[in-house]
């Protein structure tokens, strides 16, 4: 059974999926070919939302700015491996999210506890239970999807297949894969907001008001 990504990352990508990535496809191709103007456009388009996301996850302003810069630098340095069939924006946010987790883990090794141990443990346990419940709901939503839609979601989201790779594996067109993914994200957003309300996704400051 595939392991679901972290719940924060699931919610983040659900929020991102509300908007179309079509405008970024041409940018992805241009950036892969070394077009600095295209990279600057991509940078200006997504800097603010990535910065707000990191601040919303309790990064201070300096830490957030540093993580944003590092994520964009990695995109540029790895531009030769960009796949325009996958969302470059989601890849950018995934890089920043992973680096944020590494930063938090590093900091936690040296930072003294600022709250009594029993209070911290209770809070950690409560948050863990909340995340486990949300993951259970996400798994339930995925398992209730039509068979092909669930299979496409597992390949593209959890196993990180490109749309073309998934299309080849399932003997369908990339457009069919794209349509299945759009419907899968719609199912997830609907299922989660039906239970928790829209505020859960809005905490990422990425959804349109």
N, C-alpha and C. Protein backbone atom coordinates (compact mmCIF):
# COMPACT_ATOMS: atom_id res chain seq x y z
N UNK A 1 0.85 -1.20 0.00
CA UNK A 1 0.00 0.00 0.00
C UNK A 1 0.87 1.24 0.00
N UNK A 2 0.55 2.20 -0.84
CA UNK A 2 1.35 3.42 -0.93
C UNK A 2 1.22 4.24 0.35
N UNK A 3 2.31 4.91 0.73
CA UNK A 3 2.30 5.75 1.91
C UNK A 3 1.90 7.15 1.51
N UNK A 4 0.89 7.68 2.18
CA UNK A 4 0.45 9.03 1.87
C UNK A 4 1.49 10.05 2.30
N UNK A 5 1.65 11.14 1.54
CA UNK A 5 2.55 12.21 1.95
C UNK A 5 2.04 12.85 3.23
N UNK A 6 2.87 13.70 3.86
CA UNK A 6 2.46 14.40 5.07
C UNK A 6 1.18 15.18 4.84
N UNK A 7 0.36 15.28 5.89
CA UNK A 7 -0.95 15.91 5.73
C UNK A 7 -0.83 17.37 5.35
N UNK A 8 0.19 18.09 5.87
CA UNK A 8 0.37 19.48 5.49
C UNK A 8 0.60 19.60 3.99
N UNK A 9 1.40 18.67 3.44
CA UNK A 9 1.69 18.71 2.01
C UNK A 9 0.45 18.38 1.20
N UNK A 10 -0.37 17.44 1.67
CA UNK A 10 -1.62 17.12 0.99
C UNK A 10 -2.51 18.35 0.91
N UNK A 11 -2.68 19.04 2.05
CA UNK A 11 -3.53 20.22 2.08
C UNK A 11 -2.97 21.33 1.21
N UNK A 12 -1.65 21.46 1.22
CA UNK A 12 -1.01 22.48 0.39
C UNK A 12 -1.30 22.26 -1.08
N UNK A 13 -1.10 21.03 -1.55
CA UNK A 13 -1.30 20.75 -2.97
C UNK A 13 -2.77 20.82 -3.34
N UNK A 14 -3.66 20.46 -2.41
CA UNK A 14 -5.09 20.64 -2.66
C UNK A 14 -5.41 22.11 -2.87
N UNK A 15 -4.80 22.96 -2.06
CA UNK A 15 -5.02 24.40 -2.21
C UNK A 15 -4.46 24.89 -3.54
N UNK A 16 -3.27 24.44 -3.88
CA UNK A 16 -2.65 24.85 -5.14
C UNK A 16 -3.46 24.37 -6.34
N UNK A 17 -4.06 23.19 -6.22
CA UNK A 17 -4.75 22.60 -7.36
C UNK A 17 -6.01 23.36 -7.74
N UNK A 18 -6.44 24.29 -6.90
CA UNK A 18 -7.63 25.07 -7.21
C UNK A 18 -7.41 25.97 -8.42
N UNK A 19 -6.15 26.35 -8.64
CA UNK A 19 -5.82 27.22 -9.75
C UNK A 19 -5.19 26.40 -10.88
N UNK A 20 -5.30 26.91 -12.09
CA UNK A 20 -4.76 26.20 -13.24
C UNK A 20 -3.26 26.40 -13.34
N UNK A 21 -2.56 25.36 -13.77
CA UNK A 21 -1.12 25.44 -13.99
C UNK A 21 -0.79 25.67 -15.46
N UNK A 22 -1.81 25.86 -16.28
CA UNK A 22 -1.57 25.94 -17.72
C UNK A 22 -0.60 27.06 -18.08
N UNK A 23 -0.68 28.21 -17.38
CA UNK A 23 0.21 29.33 -17.70
C UNK A 23 1.67 28.99 -17.41
N UNK A 24 1.89 28.04 -16.49
CA UNK A 24 3.26 27.69 -16.11
C UNK A 24 3.90 26.68 -17.06
N UNK A 25 3.11 26.05 -17.92
CA UNK A 25 3.67 25.01 -18.80
C UNK A 25 4.71 25.62 -19.75
N UNK A 26 4.34 26.72 -20.40
CA UNK A 26 5.29 27.37 -21.31
C UNK A 26 6.50 27.88 -20.55
N UNK A 27 6.27 28.40 -19.34
CA UNK A 27 7.39 28.86 -18.51
C UNK A 27 8.31 27.70 -18.17
N UNK A 28 7.73 26.54 -17.84
CA UNK A 28 8.53 25.37 -17.49
C UNK A 28 9.47 24.99 -18.62
N UNK A 29 8.94 24.98 -19.83
CA UNK A 29 9.75 24.63 -21.00
C UNK A 29 10.86 25.66 -21.21
N UNK A 30 10.49 26.94 -21.08
CA UNK A 30 11.47 28.01 -21.28
C UNK A 30 12.56 27.97 -20.21
N UNK A 31 12.16 27.74 -18.96
CA UNK A 31 13.15 27.67 -17.87
C UNK A 31 14.08 26.49 -18.07
N UNK A 32 13.52 25.35 -18.49
CA UNK A 32 14.35 24.17 -18.75
C UNK A 32 15.40 24.47 -19.82
N UNK A 33 15.04 25.35 -20.75
CA UNK A 33 15.96 25.72 -21.82
C UNK A 33 16.89 26.87 -21.44
N UNK A 34 16.83 27.29 -20.15
CA UNK A 34 17.77 28.30 -19.67
C UNK A 34 17.33 29.74 -19.86
N UNK A 35 16.04 29.97 -20.06
CA UNK A 35 15.52 31.32 -20.28
C UNK A 35 15.40 32.04 -18.94
N UNK A 36 16.30 33.00 -18.69
CA UNK A 36 16.30 33.72 -17.42
C UNK A 36 15.08 34.62 -17.25
N UNK A 37 14.58 35.17 -18.34
CA UNK A 37 13.39 36.02 -18.26
C UNK A 37 12.18 35.20 -17.82
N UNK A 38 12.07 33.97 -18.33
CA UNK A 38 10.97 33.09 -17.94
C UNK A 38 11.09 32.73 -16.46
N UNK A 39 12.32 32.48 -16.01
CA UNK A 39 12.53 32.16 -14.60
C UNK A 39 12.15 33.34 -13.72
N UNK A 40 12.48 34.55 -14.15
CA UNK A 40 12.13 35.75 -13.39
C UNK A 40 10.61 35.91 -13.30
N UNK A 41 9.92 35.61 -14.40
CA UNK A 41 8.46 35.67 -14.40
C UNK A 41 7.88 34.66 -13.41
N UNK A 42 8.41 33.45 -13.44
CA UNK A 42 7.97 32.40 -12.52
C UNK A 42 8.23 32.81 -11.08
N UNK A 43 9.40 33.39 -10.84
CA UNK A 43 9.78 33.86 -9.50
C UNK A 43 8.79 34.92 -9.00
N UNK A 44 8.53 35.91 -9.83
CA UNK A 44 7.62 36.99 -9.43
C UNK A 44 6.19 36.50 -9.23
N UNK A 45 5.81 35.50 -9.99
CA UNK A 45 4.44 34.98 -9.93
C UNK A 45 4.18 34.21 -8.63
N UNK A 46 5.19 33.52 -8.11
CA UNK A 46 4.94 32.61 -6.99
C UNK A 46 5.69 32.95 -5.70
N UNK A 47 6.51 33.98 -5.73
CA UNK A 47 7.30 34.31 -4.53
C UNK A 47 6.39 34.61 -3.33
N UNK A 48 5.42 35.49 -3.52
CA UNK A 48 4.60 35.94 -2.39
C UNK A 48 3.79 34.80 -1.77
N UNK A 49 3.18 33.96 -2.61
CA UNK A 49 2.35 32.88 -2.06
C UNK A 49 3.20 31.85 -1.33
N UNK A 50 4.41 31.57 -1.83
CA UNK A 50 5.30 30.63 -1.15
C UNK A 50 5.77 31.23 0.18
N UNK A 51 6.10 32.50 0.17
CA UNK A 51 6.52 33.18 1.40
C UNK A 51 5.41 33.14 2.44
N UNK A 52 4.17 33.45 2.03
CA UNK A 52 3.05 33.44 2.97
C UNK A 52 2.79 32.04 3.53
N UNK A 53 2.96 31.04 2.67
CA UNK A 53 2.78 29.66 3.14
C UNK A 53 3.76 29.33 4.25
N UNK A 54 5.02 29.68 4.07
CA UNK A 54 6.04 29.35 5.06
C UNK A 54 5.81 30.12 6.36
N UNK A 55 5.41 31.37 6.25
CA UNK A 55 5.11 32.16 7.46
C UNK A 55 3.91 31.55 8.18
N UNK A 56 2.93 31.05 7.42
CA UNK A 56 1.75 30.44 8.04
C UNK A 56 2.09 29.15 8.78
N UNK A 57 3.24 28.56 8.45
CA UNK A 57 3.70 27.35 9.14
C UNK A 57 4.69 27.70 10.25
N UNK A 58 4.61 28.95 10.75
CA UNK A 58 5.38 29.41 11.91
C UNK A 58 6.86 29.65 11.63
N UNK A 59 7.24 29.82 10.38
CA UNK A 59 8.58 30.27 10.08
C UNK A 59 8.64 31.79 10.30
N UNK A 60 9.74 32.29 10.88
CA UNK A 60 9.83 33.74 11.00
C UNK A 60 10.17 34.33 9.63
N UNK A 61 10.11 35.64 9.51
CA UNK A 61 10.23 36.27 8.20
C UNK A 61 11.58 36.00 7.54
N UNK A 62 12.65 36.06 8.33
CA UNK A 62 13.99 35.81 7.76
C UNK A 62 14.13 34.37 7.30
N UNK A 63 13.63 33.43 8.11
CA UNK A 63 13.69 32.02 7.75
C UNK A 63 12.88 31.76 6.48
N UNK A 64 11.70 32.36 6.42
CA UNK A 64 10.83 32.17 5.25
C UNK A 64 11.50 32.69 3.98
N UNK A 65 12.07 33.89 4.07
CA UNK A 65 12.74 34.47 2.90
C UNK A 65 13.90 33.59 2.44
N UNK A 66 14.66 33.07 3.40
CA UNK A 66 15.81 32.22 3.06
C UNK A 66 15.35 30.92 2.39
N UNK A 67 14.30 30.30 2.93
CA UNK A 67 13.79 29.06 2.35
C UNK A 67 13.22 29.28 0.95
N UNK A 68 12.55 30.42 0.76
CA UNK A 68 12.02 30.75 -0.56
C UNK A 68 13.15 30.89 -1.57
N UNK A 69 14.18 31.63 -1.19
CA UNK A 69 15.32 31.83 -2.09
C UNK A 69 15.97 30.49 -2.45
N UNK A 70 16.14 29.63 -1.46
CA UNK A 70 16.78 28.34 -1.69
C UNK A 70 15.95 27.46 -2.62
N UNK A 71 14.62 27.52 -2.46
CA UNK A 71 13.75 26.71 -3.31
C UNK A 71 13.85 27.16 -4.77
N UNK A 72 13.83 28.47 -4.99
CA UNK A 72 13.93 28.97 -6.37
C UNK A 72 15.31 28.67 -6.96
N UNK A 73 16.35 28.78 -6.14
CA UNK A 73 17.70 28.48 -6.62
C UNK A 73 17.78 27.02 -7.07
N UNK A 74 17.16 26.13 -6.30
CA UNK A 74 17.19 24.71 -6.66
C UNK A 74 16.45 24.47 -7.97
N UNK A 75 15.32 25.17 -8.17
CA UNK A 75 14.59 25.05 -9.44
C UNK A 75 15.52 25.43 -10.60
N UNK A 76 16.24 26.54 -10.45
CA UNK A 76 17.12 26.99 -11.53
C UNK A 76 18.28 26.03 -11.74
N UNK A 77 18.89 25.58 -10.64
CA UNK A 77 20.04 24.69 -10.76
C UNK A 77 19.66 23.34 -11.36
N UNK A 78 18.43 22.89 -11.10
CA UNK A 78 17.96 21.60 -11.61
C UNK A 78 17.07 21.76 -12.84
N UNK A 79 17.16 22.90 -13.50
CA UNK A 79 16.23 23.22 -14.59
C UNK A 79 16.27 22.20 -15.72
N UNK A 80 17.41 21.56 -15.91
CA UNK A 80 17.52 20.58 -17.00
C UNK A 80 16.62 19.37 -16.82
N UNK A 81 16.18 19.12 -15.59
CA UNK A 81 15.34 17.95 -15.32
C UNK A 81 13.86 18.30 -15.20
N UNK A 82 13.50 19.55 -15.50
CA UNK A 82 12.10 19.98 -15.39
C UNK A 82 11.23 19.20 -16.38
N UNK A 83 10.11 18.70 -15.88
CA UNK A 83 9.13 17.97 -16.71
C UNK A 83 7.88 18.84 -16.82
N UNK A 84 7.62 19.36 -18.01
CA UNK A 84 6.50 20.29 -18.17
C UNK A 84 5.14 19.63 -17.98
N UNK A 85 5.10 18.29 -17.95
CA UNK A 85 3.82 17.61 -17.73
C UNK A 85 3.45 17.57 -16.25
N UNK A 86 4.38 18.00 -15.38
CA UNK A 86 4.09 18.06 -13.95
C UNK A 86 4.15 19.52 -13.51
N UNK A 87 3.38 19.85 -12.50
CA UNK A 87 3.28 21.24 -12.04
C UNK A 87 4.60 21.72 -11.45
N UNK A 88 5.19 22.72 -12.09
CA UNK A 88 6.43 23.29 -11.57
C UNK A 88 6.16 24.04 -10.27
N UNK A 89 4.98 24.63 -10.17
CA UNK A 89 4.60 25.34 -8.95
C UNK A 89 4.51 24.38 -7.76
N UNK A 90 3.87 23.23 -7.96
CA UNK A 90 3.77 22.25 -6.88
C UNK A 90 5.16 21.72 -6.50
N UNK A 91 6.02 21.55 -7.51
CA UNK A 91 7.39 21.10 -7.25
C UNK A 91 8.13 22.14 -6.40
N UNK A 92 7.94 23.42 -6.73
CA UNK A 92 8.57 24.51 -5.97
C UNK A 92 8.13 24.46 -4.51
N UNK A 93 6.82 24.33 -4.29
CA UNK A 93 6.31 24.31 -2.92
C UNK A 93 6.76 23.05 -2.17
N UNK A 94 6.86 21.94 -2.89
CA UNK A 94 7.31 20.70 -2.25
C UNK A 94 8.76 20.83 -1.79
N UNK A 95 9.60 21.47 -2.62
CA UNK A 95 11.00 21.71 -2.24
C UNK A 95 11.06 22.55 -0.97
N UNK A 96 10.31 23.65 -0.96
CA UNK A 96 10.32 24.54 0.20
C UNK A 96 9.78 23.84 1.45
N UNK A 97 8.73 23.05 1.26
CA UNK A 97 8.14 22.32 2.39
C UNK A 97 9.15 21.33 2.98
N UNK A 98 9.84 20.59 2.12
CA UNK A 98 10.83 19.62 2.59
C UNK A 98 11.97 20.30 3.32
N UNK A 99 12.44 21.43 2.78
CA UNK A 99 13.52 22.16 3.43
C UNK A 99 13.05 22.76 4.76
N UNK A 100 11.79 23.16 4.83
CA UNK A 100 11.24 23.67 6.07
C UNK A 100 11.25 22.59 7.15
N UNK A 101 10.84 21.37 6.79
CA UNK A 101 10.84 20.27 7.75
C UNK A 101 12.27 19.96 8.22
N UNK A 102 13.23 19.99 7.30
CA UNK A 102 14.62 19.76 7.68
C UNK A 102 15.11 20.84 8.64
N UNK A 103 14.71 22.08 8.37
CA UNK A 103 15.10 23.21 9.23
C UNK A 103 14.51 23.05 10.63
N UNK A 104 13.24 22.68 10.69
CA UNK A 104 12.57 22.50 11.98
C UNK A 104 13.23 21.37 12.77
N UNK A 105 13.55 20.28 12.08
CA UNK A 105 14.19 19.14 12.75
C UNK A 105 15.56 19.53 13.30
N UNK A 106 16.31 20.30 12.50
CA UNK A 106 17.64 20.75 12.94
C UNK A 106 17.53 21.66 14.16
N UNK A 107 16.57 22.61 14.09
CA UNK A 107 16.39 23.55 15.18
C UNK A 107 15.96 22.85 16.47
N UNK A 108 15.12 21.84 16.33
CA UNK A 108 14.57 21.17 17.51
C UNK A 108 15.65 20.43 18.30
N UNK A 109 16.76 20.10 17.66
CA UNK A 109 17.83 19.38 18.34
C UNK A 109 18.58 20.28 19.31
N UNK A 110 18.51 21.59 19.08
CA UNK A 110 19.30 22.52 19.89
C UNK A 110 18.46 23.51 20.69
N UNK A 111 17.18 23.59 20.36
CA UNK A 111 16.32 24.56 21.03
C UNK A 111 15.73 23.97 22.30
N UNK A 112 15.85 24.69 23.40
CA UNK A 112 15.29 24.21 24.66
C UNK A 112 13.77 24.33 24.63
N UNK A 113 13.12 23.43 25.36
CA UNK A 113 11.67 23.47 25.44
C UNK A 113 11.24 24.73 26.17
N UNK A 114 10.26 25.45 25.60
CA UNK A 114 9.78 26.69 26.20
C UNK A 114 8.52 26.49 27.02
N UNK A 115 7.99 25.26 27.01
CA UNK A 115 6.79 24.97 27.79
C UNK A 115 7.06 23.74 28.63
N UNK A 116 6.33 23.55 29.75
CA UNK A 116 6.53 22.35 30.57
C UNK A 116 6.36 21.09 29.75
N UNK A 117 7.14 20.07 30.07
CA UNK A 117 7.16 18.85 29.28
C UNK A 117 5.79 18.21 29.17
N UNK A 118 5.03 18.17 30.31
CA UNK A 118 3.74 17.51 30.26
C UNK A 118 2.76 18.25 29.35
N UNK A 119 2.87 19.61 29.32
CA UNK A 119 1.99 20.41 28.46
C UNK A 119 2.36 20.18 27.00
N UNK A 120 3.67 20.16 26.73
CA UNK A 120 4.14 19.95 25.37
C UNK A 120 3.73 18.58 24.85
N UNK A 121 3.85 17.56 25.71
CA UNK A 121 3.48 16.21 25.31
C UNK A 121 2.00 16.10 25.01
N UNK A 122 1.18 16.74 25.86
CA UNK A 122 -0.26 16.70 25.65
C UNK A 122 -0.64 17.37 24.34
N UNK A 123 -0.01 18.52 24.06
CA UNK A 123 -0.30 19.24 22.82
C UNK A 123 0.13 18.43 21.62
N UNK A 124 1.32 17.81 21.71
CA UNK A 124 1.83 17.00 20.61
C UNK A 124 0.91 15.82 20.34
N UNK A 125 0.43 15.18 21.41
CA UNK A 125 -0.47 14.03 21.26
C UNK A 125 -1.77 14.45 20.60
N UNK A 126 -2.30 15.61 21.01
CA UNK A 126 -3.56 16.11 20.43
C UNK A 126 -3.40 16.40 18.95
N UNK A 127 -2.28 17.05 18.58
CA UNK A 127 -2.04 17.36 17.17
C UNK A 127 -1.86 16.09 16.36
N UNK A 128 -1.17 15.09 16.96
CA UNK A 128 -0.96 13.82 16.27
C UNK A 128 -2.28 13.12 16.00
N UNK A 129 -3.19 13.16 16.98
CA UNK A 129 -4.49 12.54 16.80
C UNK A 129 -5.29 13.25 15.71
N UNK A 130 -5.22 14.59 15.68
CA UNK A 130 -5.92 15.36 14.66
C UNK A 130 -5.42 14.98 13.27
N UNK A 131 -4.10 14.87 13.12
CA UNK A 131 -3.53 14.52 11.83
C UNK A 131 -3.88 13.09 11.43
N UNK A 132 -3.87 12.19 12.40
CA UNK A 132 -4.23 10.80 12.10
C UNK A 132 -5.67 10.71 11.62
N UNK A 133 -6.56 11.48 12.25
CA UNK A 133 -7.96 11.46 11.85
C UNK A 133 -8.12 12.03 10.44
N UNK A 134 -7.40 13.11 10.15
CA UNK A 134 -7.48 13.71 8.83
C UNK A 134 -6.91 12.77 7.77
N UNK A 135 -5.82 12.10 8.09
CA UNK A 135 -5.25 11.13 7.15
C UNK A 135 -6.22 9.98 6.90
N UNK A 136 -6.92 9.56 7.97
CA UNK A 136 -7.91 8.49 7.82
C UNK A 136 -9.01 8.92 6.85
N UNK A 137 -9.44 10.17 6.97
CA UNK A 137 -10.49 10.69 6.09
C UNK A 137 -9.99 10.78 4.66
N UNK A 138 -8.74 11.24 4.49
CA UNK A 138 -8.16 11.34 3.14
C UNK A 138 -8.09 9.96 2.49
N UNK A 139 -7.63 8.97 3.25
CA UNK A 139 -7.56 7.60 2.72
C UNK A 139 -8.96 7.10 2.33
N UNK A 140 -9.95 7.42 3.16
CA UNK A 140 -11.32 6.98 2.88
C UNK A 140 -11.84 7.61 1.60
N UNK A 141 -11.55 8.90 1.41
CA UNK A 141 -11.99 9.59 0.19
C UNK A 141 -11.34 8.97 -1.03
N UNK A 142 -10.04 8.69 -0.94
CA UNK A 142 -9.32 8.09 -2.06
C UNK A 142 -9.88 6.71 -2.40
N UNK A 143 -10.15 5.92 -1.36
CA UNK A 143 -10.65 4.56 -1.59
C UNK A 143 -12.07 4.55 -2.17
N UNK A 144 -12.80 5.66 -1.98
CA UNK A 144 -14.17 5.73 -2.49
C UNK A 144 -14.24 6.27 -3.92
N UNK A 145 -13.10 6.70 -4.46
CA UNK A 145 -13.08 7.20 -5.83
C UNK A 145 -13.32 6.06 -6.81
N UNK A 146 -13.84 6.37 -8.00
CA UNK A 146 -13.92 5.33 -9.04
C UNK A 146 -12.55 4.70 -9.24
N UNK A 147 -12.53 3.43 -9.60
CA UNK A 147 -11.28 2.66 -9.63
C UNK A 147 -10.18 3.34 -10.44
N UNK A 148 -10.49 3.76 -11.66
CA UNK A 148 -9.45 4.35 -12.51
C UNK A 148 -8.96 5.68 -11.95
N UNK A 149 -9.89 6.47 -11.41
CA UNK A 149 -9.51 7.76 -10.84
C UNK A 149 -8.56 7.57 -9.65
N UNK A 150 -8.90 6.61 -8.79
CA UNK A 150 -8.05 6.32 -7.65
C UNK A 150 -6.69 5.81 -8.07
N UNK A 151 -6.67 5.00 -9.13
CA UNK A 151 -5.40 4.46 -9.63
C UNK A 151 -4.52 5.58 -10.18
N UNK A 152 -5.14 6.49 -10.94
CA UNK A 152 -4.40 7.62 -11.50
C UNK A 152 -3.83 8.48 -10.38
N UNK A 153 -4.64 8.74 -9.35
CA UNK A 153 -4.19 9.57 -8.24
C UNK A 153 -3.01 8.91 -7.53
N UNK A 154 -3.09 7.61 -7.33
CA UNK A 154 -2.00 6.90 -6.66
C UNK A 154 -0.72 6.98 -7.49
N UNK A 155 -0.83 6.79 -8.80
CA UNK A 155 0.35 6.83 -9.65
C UNK A 155 0.98 8.22 -9.69
N UNK A 156 0.15 9.24 -9.92
CA UNK A 156 0.68 10.59 -10.15
C UNK A 156 1.00 11.35 -8.87
N UNK A 157 0.21 11.15 -7.83
CA UNK A 157 0.41 11.93 -6.61
C UNK A 157 1.29 11.20 -5.61
N UNK A 158 1.01 9.93 -5.37
CA UNK A 158 1.74 9.21 -4.34
C UNK A 158 3.02 8.56 -4.87
N UNK A 159 2.99 8.09 -6.13
CA UNK A 159 4.18 7.46 -6.70
C UNK A 159 4.95 8.39 -7.62
N UNK A 160 4.41 9.61 -7.82
CA UNK A 160 5.08 10.68 -8.56
C UNK A 160 5.37 10.32 -10.02
N UNK A 161 4.46 9.58 -10.65
CA UNK A 161 4.56 9.36 -12.08
C UNK A 161 4.25 10.67 -12.80
N UNK A 162 4.88 10.89 -13.95
CA UNK A 162 4.45 11.99 -14.80
C UNK A 162 3.13 11.58 -15.45
N UNK A 163 2.40 12.56 -16.00
CA UNK A 163 1.15 12.22 -16.67
C UNK A 163 1.42 11.28 -17.84
N UNK A 164 2.53 11.49 -18.54
CA UNK A 164 2.86 10.63 -19.68
C UNK A 164 3.16 9.21 -19.21
N UNK A 165 3.91 9.08 -18.11
CA UNK A 165 4.23 7.75 -17.59
C UNK A 165 2.96 7.02 -17.15
N UNK A 166 2.07 7.76 -16.47
CA UNK A 166 0.81 7.15 -16.04
C UNK A 166 -0.05 6.77 -17.24
N UNK A 167 -0.05 7.64 -18.26
CA UNK A 167 -0.83 7.36 -19.47
C UNK A 167 -0.32 6.10 -20.16
N UNK A 168 1.00 5.96 -20.25
CA UNK A 168 1.59 4.76 -20.86
C UNK A 168 1.25 3.51 -20.05
N UNK A 169 1.31 3.64 -18.72
CA UNK A 169 1.04 2.49 -17.85
C UNK A 169 -0.41 2.03 -17.96
N UNK A 170 -1.32 3.00 -18.16
CA UNK A 170 -2.74 2.67 -18.20
C UNK A 170 -3.31 2.61 -19.61
N UNK A 171 -2.42 2.86 -20.60
CA UNK A 171 -2.82 2.80 -22.01
C UNK A 171 -3.95 3.78 -22.32
N UNK A 172 -3.78 5.01 -21.84
CA UNK A 172 -4.74 6.09 -22.13
C UNK A 172 -3.93 7.32 -22.53
N UNK A 173 -4.61 8.40 -22.86
CA UNK A 173 -3.91 9.62 -23.25
C UNK A 173 -3.54 10.45 -22.02
N UNK A 174 -2.48 11.27 -22.11
CA UNK A 174 -2.13 12.17 -21.00
C UNK A 174 -3.29 13.08 -20.61
N UNK A 175 -4.11 13.47 -21.58
CA UNK A 175 -5.26 14.33 -21.29
C UNK A 175 -6.25 13.61 -20.38
N UNK A 176 -6.42 12.31 -20.60
CA UNK A 176 -7.31 11.52 -19.74
C UNK A 176 -6.78 11.49 -18.31
N UNK A 177 -5.46 11.35 -18.18
CA UNK A 177 -4.83 11.36 -16.86
C UNK A 177 -5.05 12.71 -16.19
N UNK A 178 -4.87 13.77 -16.96
CA UNK A 178 -5.07 15.13 -16.42
C UNK A 178 -6.50 15.31 -15.92
N UNK A 179 -7.46 14.80 -16.68
CA UNK A 179 -8.87 14.93 -16.28
C UNK A 179 -9.15 14.14 -15.00
N UNK A 180 -8.59 12.93 -14.91
CA UNK A 180 -8.77 12.11 -13.70
C UNK A 180 -8.19 12.82 -12.48
N UNK A 181 -7.01 13.43 -12.64
CA UNK A 181 -6.38 14.12 -11.51
C UNK A 181 -7.20 15.32 -11.07
N UNK A 182 -7.74 16.06 -12.02
CA UNK A 182 -8.57 17.21 -11.67
C UNK A 182 -9.79 16.77 -10.87
N UNK A 183 -10.41 15.66 -11.29
CA UNK A 183 -11.58 15.14 -10.58
C UNK A 183 -11.19 14.59 -9.20
N UNK A 184 -10.00 13.98 -9.11
CA UNK A 184 -9.54 13.43 -7.82
C UNK A 184 -9.32 14.56 -6.82
N UNK A 185 -8.68 15.64 -7.25
CA UNK A 185 -8.47 16.77 -6.36
C UNK A 185 -9.81 17.40 -5.95
N UNK A 186 -10.75 17.42 -6.89
CA UNK A 186 -12.08 17.96 -6.59
C UNK A 186 -12.76 17.10 -5.53
N UNK A 187 -12.64 15.78 -5.66
CA UNK A 187 -13.21 14.86 -4.67
C UNK A 187 -12.61 15.10 -3.28
N UNK A 188 -11.29 15.25 -3.25
CA UNK A 188 -10.60 15.46 -1.97
C UNK A 188 -10.99 16.78 -1.33
N UNK A 189 -11.00 17.85 -2.13
CA UNK A 189 -11.38 19.16 -1.59
C UNK A 189 -12.80 19.12 -1.04
N UNK A 190 -13.70 18.50 -1.82
CA UNK A 190 -15.10 18.44 -1.40
C UNK A 190 -15.24 17.63 -0.12
N UNK A 191 -14.58 16.47 -0.06
CA UNK A 191 -14.70 15.61 1.11
C UNK A 191 -14.14 16.25 2.36
N UNK A 192 -13.00 16.93 2.23
CA UNK A 192 -12.36 17.55 3.40
C UNK A 192 -13.15 18.77 3.87
N UNK A 193 -13.56 19.62 2.92
CA UNK A 193 -14.28 20.83 3.33
C UNK A 193 -15.67 20.50 3.85
N UNK A 194 -16.25 19.39 3.40
CA UNK A 194 -17.56 18.98 3.89
C UNK A 194 -17.51 18.66 5.38
N UNK A 195 -16.36 18.14 5.82
CA UNK A 195 -16.21 17.75 7.23
C UNK A 195 -15.61 18.88 8.06
N UNK A 196 -14.56 19.53 7.53
CA UNK A 196 -13.82 20.52 8.32
C UNK A 196 -14.15 21.96 7.95
N UNK A 197 -14.79 22.18 6.81
CA UNK A 197 -15.05 23.53 6.37
C UNK A 197 -13.88 24.08 5.57
N UNK A 198 -14.10 25.20 4.90
CA UNK A 198 -13.07 25.78 4.03
C UNK A 198 -11.90 26.37 4.79
N UNK A 199 -12.08 26.64 6.09
CA UNK A 199 -11.02 27.27 6.87
C UNK A 199 -9.76 26.42 6.91
N UNK A 200 -9.91 25.10 6.83
CA UNK A 200 -8.75 24.22 6.91
C UNK A 200 -7.79 24.49 5.76
N UNK A 201 -8.32 24.66 4.55
CA UNK A 201 -7.47 24.95 3.40
C UNK A 201 -7.04 26.41 3.38
N UNK A 202 -7.90 27.30 3.89
CA UNK A 202 -7.56 28.72 3.87
C UNK A 202 -6.41 29.06 4.80
N UNK A 203 -6.09 28.17 5.74
CA UNK A 203 -4.97 28.45 6.64
C UNK A 203 -3.66 28.57 5.89
N UNK A 204 -3.61 28.08 4.68
CA UNK A 204 -2.38 28.16 3.90
C UNK A 204 -2.28 29.48 3.13
N UNK A 205 -3.30 30.33 3.24
CA UNK A 205 -3.29 31.63 2.57
C UNK A 205 -3.06 31.50 1.07
N UNK A 206 -3.57 30.42 0.48
CA UNK A 206 -3.33 30.19 -0.94
C UNK A 206 -4.62 30.20 -1.75
N UNK A 207 -5.75 29.99 -1.08
CA UNK A 207 -7.01 29.96 -1.80
C UNK A 207 -7.50 31.38 -2.04
N UNK A 208 -8.16 31.58 -3.15
CA UNK A 208 -8.72 32.90 -3.42
C UNK A 208 -9.85 33.18 -2.44
N UNK A 209 -9.94 34.43 -2.02
CA UNK A 209 -11.01 34.83 -1.11
C UNK A 209 -12.34 34.76 -1.83
